[in-house]
Amino acid sequence: MFTGLIETTSLILQVRDIEGQRWYRVARPRGWRLQVGQSVSVDGVCSTVQRINGRWFQVAYMPETLRKTTLGERKVGDGVNLERSLTLQTLLGGHLVMGHVDTTARIIGIREDGSAKIYEFHIPRRFARYVVPKGCIAVDGISLTVVDAGRDRFTTSLLPYTLRCTTLGGKKAGDRVNIETDILAKYLEKLVKEQR
């Protein structure tokens, strides 16, 4: 489990397909102590550290993950958002993020709003029902507040700090991002359906 507060960004150093899985070596952030088996959010995808080196850590993804997320498009030199999993001592400053990506969305517009920028995303309709104004959403692992929401789109406002300290600042219209909707909305929907 994660908070959606990105700790740092890093670069993909190597991509290899081995025995039906895709292996990524990601540059190990300075000062990060990692253990094999530890969970790390990579662009919002809960990933298990499988190997560690002084310079990198290695994670692997199944074909299903590559189909459902943007990780299948990532290549050497691409930047990714990173967050280590929660501990009982972690401050929960964002929202509860599972690292289980629901779908991808496409950036359809970016506009200035004072010092901030408003990003507009197109999202598949079957997931849009979980997105509400002032609600939480994770975009490439980043905990964001929804500004406005429609039948197949939503907007968020990003501060200069977020644009500078995550990979979203380098994205443009047409780029795809990983989306995890609020887990509480999905549980509520299931409970209401079962009561009916």
Foldseek 3Di string as FASTA:
>chain_A
DAQQAFPFKWFWADWDDDPQKIKTKTFDDPPDDDDAQFWKQWQLATWGFHDDDPTTTMTIDHVVPLVFFVVVVDDGGDMTTIDGDDDPPDDNPFHDRDNDFDHKWFFADWDDDPQKIKTKIFAPQVCLVLAAAQFWKRWRSHTFGWHHGDRGMTITIGHPVCLVGGCVVVDDGGDMITIDGDPVSVVVVVVVVVVD
